[in-house]
Amino acid sequence: MARGFESKGSAEYAEDTREERRARQRLSPDEVVRGKKRDDLELSRSRIEHELEATTSDMRRNSLRAALKHIEGEIAKLK
């Protein structure tokens, strides 16, 4: 029974992947580049937010906040 459940999950994942590829095919090359850049910035923002929660140093916290502000500005430019 668990095996059938795995297969269904894999099939759903494959379908999602196909749909994502179709959606990307409709995008212009510039839109694809902007999307990838946005994904990279979102990932960086997530990492910085995690580091911000974990750090105890005020100096590091200030540096991370500045980096976060910069990244959010870059994300805003892409919208």
C-alpha atoms as a PDB file:
ATOM      1  CA  MET A   1       0.000   0.000   0.000  1.00  0.00           C
ATOM      2  CA  ALA A   2       2.805   2.410   0.827  1.00  0.00           C
ATOM      3  CA  ARG A   3       4.355   1.683  -2.552  1.00  0.00           C
ATOM      4  CA  GLY A   4       1.231   2.862  -4.380  1.00  0.00           C
ATOM      5  CA  PHE A   5       1.209   6.027  -2.320  1.00  0.00           C
ATOM      6  CA  GLU A   6       4.832   6.708  -3.328  1.00  0.00           C
ATOM      7  CA  SER A   7       4.003   6.190  -6.985  1.00  0.00           C
ATOM      8  CA  LYS A   8       1.151   8.633  -6.798  1.00  0.00           C
ATOM      9  CA  GLY A   9       3.410  11.226  -5.190  1.00  0.00           C
ATOM     10  CA  SER A  10       5.992  10.717  -7.917  1.00  0.00           C
ATOM     11  CA  ALA A  11       3.364  11.015 -10.627  1.00  0.00           C
ATOM     12  CA  GLU A  12       2.021  14.224  -9.115  1.00  0.00           C
ATOM     13  CA  TYR A  13       5.559  15.583  -8.854  1.00  0.00           C
ATOM     14  CA  ALA A  14       6.245  14.724 -12.495  1.00  0.00           C
ATOM     15  CA  GLU A  15       3.023  16.460 -13.549  1.00  0.00           C
ATOM     16  CA  ASP A  16       3.952  19.568 -11.551  1.00  0.00           C
ATOM     17  CA  THR A  17       7.366  19.592 -13.214  1.00  0.00           C
ATOM     18  CA  ARG A  18       5.805  19.333 -16.677  1.00  0.00           C
ATOM     19  CA  GLU A  19       3.464  22.212 -15.909  1.00  0.00           C
ATOM     20  CA  GLU A  20       6.374  24.335 -14.679  1.00  0.00           C
ATOM     21  CA  ARG A  21       8.298  23.609 -17.890  1.00  0.00           C
ATOM     22  CA  ARG A  22       5.302  24.596 -20.009  1.00  0.00           C
ATOM     23  CA  ALA A  23       4.911  27.828 -18.074  1.00  0.00           C
ATOM     24  CA  ARG A  24       8.594  28.621 -18.540  1.00  0.00           C
ATOM     25  CA  GLN A  25       8.361  27.981 -22.270  1.00  0.00           C
ATOM     26  CA  ARG A  26       5.829  30.789 -22.497  1.00  0.00           C
ATOM     27  CA  LEU A  27       8.195  33.252 -20.824  1.00  0.00           C
ATOM     28  CA  SER A  28      10.598  35.453 -22.715  1.00  0.00           C
ATOM     29  CA  PRO A  29      14.319  34.934 -22.071  1.00  0.00           C
ATOM     30  CA  ASP A  30      14.370  38.198 -20.098  1.00  0.00           C
ATOM     31  CA  GLU A  31      11.519  36.985 -17.904  1.00  0.00           C
ATOM     32  CA  VAL A  32      13.343  33.718 -17.238  1.00  0.00           C
ATOM     33  CA  VAL A  33      16.506  35.587 -16.181  1.00  0.00           C
ATOM     34  CA  ARG A  34      14.495  37.891 -13.932  1.00  0.00           C
ATOM     35  CA  GLY A  35      12.713  34.898 -12.394  1.00  0.00           C
ATOM     36  CA  LYS A  36      15.978  33.142 -11.643  1.00  0.00           C
ATOM     37  CA  LYS A  37      17.443  36.307 -10.151  1.00  0.00           C
ATOM     38  CA  ARG A  38      14.364  36.733  -7.995  1.00  0.00           C
ATOM     39  CA  ASP A  39      14.615  33.106  -6.829  1.00  0.00           C
ATOM     40  CA  ASP A  40      18.269  33.674  -5.902  1.00  0.00           C
ATOM     41  CA  LEU A  41      17.408  36.844  -4.001  1.00  0.00           C
ATOM     42  CA  GLU A  42      14.557  35.105  -2.163  1.00  0.00           C
ATOM     43  CA  LEU A  43      16.930  32.320  -1.148  1.00  0.00           C
ATOM     44  CA  SER A  44      19.496  34.853   0.078  1.00  0.00           C
ATOM     45  CA  ARG A  45      16.801  36.698   2.016  1.00  0.00           C
ATOM     46  CA  SER A  46      15.741  33.469   3.674  1.00  0.00           C
ATOM     47  CA  ARG A  47      19.330  32.632   4.639  1.00  0.00           C
ATOM     48  CA  ILE A  48      19.934  36.108   6.059  1.00  0.00           C
ATOM     49  CA  GLU A  49      16.690  36.016   8.054  1.00  0.00           C
ATOM     50  CA  HIS A  50      17.745  32.668   9.518  1.00  0.00           C
ATOM     51  CA  GLU A  51      21.183  34.037  10.415  1.00  0.00           C
ATOM     52  CA  LEU A  52      19.578  37.137  11.913  1.00  0.00           C
ATOM     53  CA  GLU A  53      17.510  34.973  14.253  1.00  0.00           C
ATOM     54  CA  ALA A  54      20.543  32.943  15.294  1.00  0.00           C
ATOM     55  CA  THR A  55      23.146  35.649  15.861  1.00  0.00           C
ATOM     56  CA  THR A  56      23.872  37.198  19.242  1.00  0.00           C
ATOM     57  CA  SER A  57      26.314  39.844  18.039  1.00  0.00           C
ATOM     58  CA  ASP A  58      24.872  43.340  17.677  1.00  0.00           C
ATOM     59  CA  MET A  59      27.457  44.200  15.030  1.00  0.00           C
ATOM     60  CA  ARG A  60      26.578  41.101  12.998  1.00  0.00           C
ATOM     61  CA  ARG A  61      22.869  41.779  13.443  1.00  0.00           C
ATOM     62  CA  ASN A  62      23.283  45.327  12.068  1.00  0.00           C
ATOM     63  CA  SER A  63      25.250  43.994   9.108  1.00  0.00           C
ATOM     64  CA  LEU A  64      22.589  41.376   8.382  1.00  0.00           C
ATOM     65  CA  ARG A  65      19.807  43.959   8.603  1.00  0.00           C
ATOM     66  CA  ALA A  66      21.637  46.143   6.082  1.00  0.00           C
ATOM     67  CA  ALA A  67      22.061  43.147   3.767  1.00  0.00           C
ATOM     68  CA  LEU A  68      18.387  42.259   4.177  1.00  0.00           C
ATOM     69  CA  LYS A  69      17.344  45.810   3.337  1.00  0.00           C
ATOM     70  CA  HIS A  70      19.521  45.737   0.214  1.00  0.00           C
ATOM     71  CA  ILE A  71      18.110  42.395  -0.947  1.00  0.00           C
ATOM     72  CA  GLU A  72      14.532  43.534  -0.382  1.00  0.00           C
ATOM     73  CA  GLY A  73      15.289  46.611  -2.476  1.00  0.00           C
ATOM     74  CA  GLU A  74      16.625  44.416  -5.280  1.00  0.00           C
ATOM     75  CA  ILE A  75      13.526  42.225  -5.112  1.00  0.00           C
ATOM     76  CA  ALA A  76      11.307  45.304  -5.297  1.00  0.00           C
ATOM     77  CA  LYS A  77      13.131  46.426  -8.466  1.00  0.00           C
ATOM     78  CA  LEU A  78      12.267  43.115 -10.137  1.00  0.00           C
ATOM     79  CA  LYS A  79       8.516  43.502  -9.610  1.00  0.00           C
END
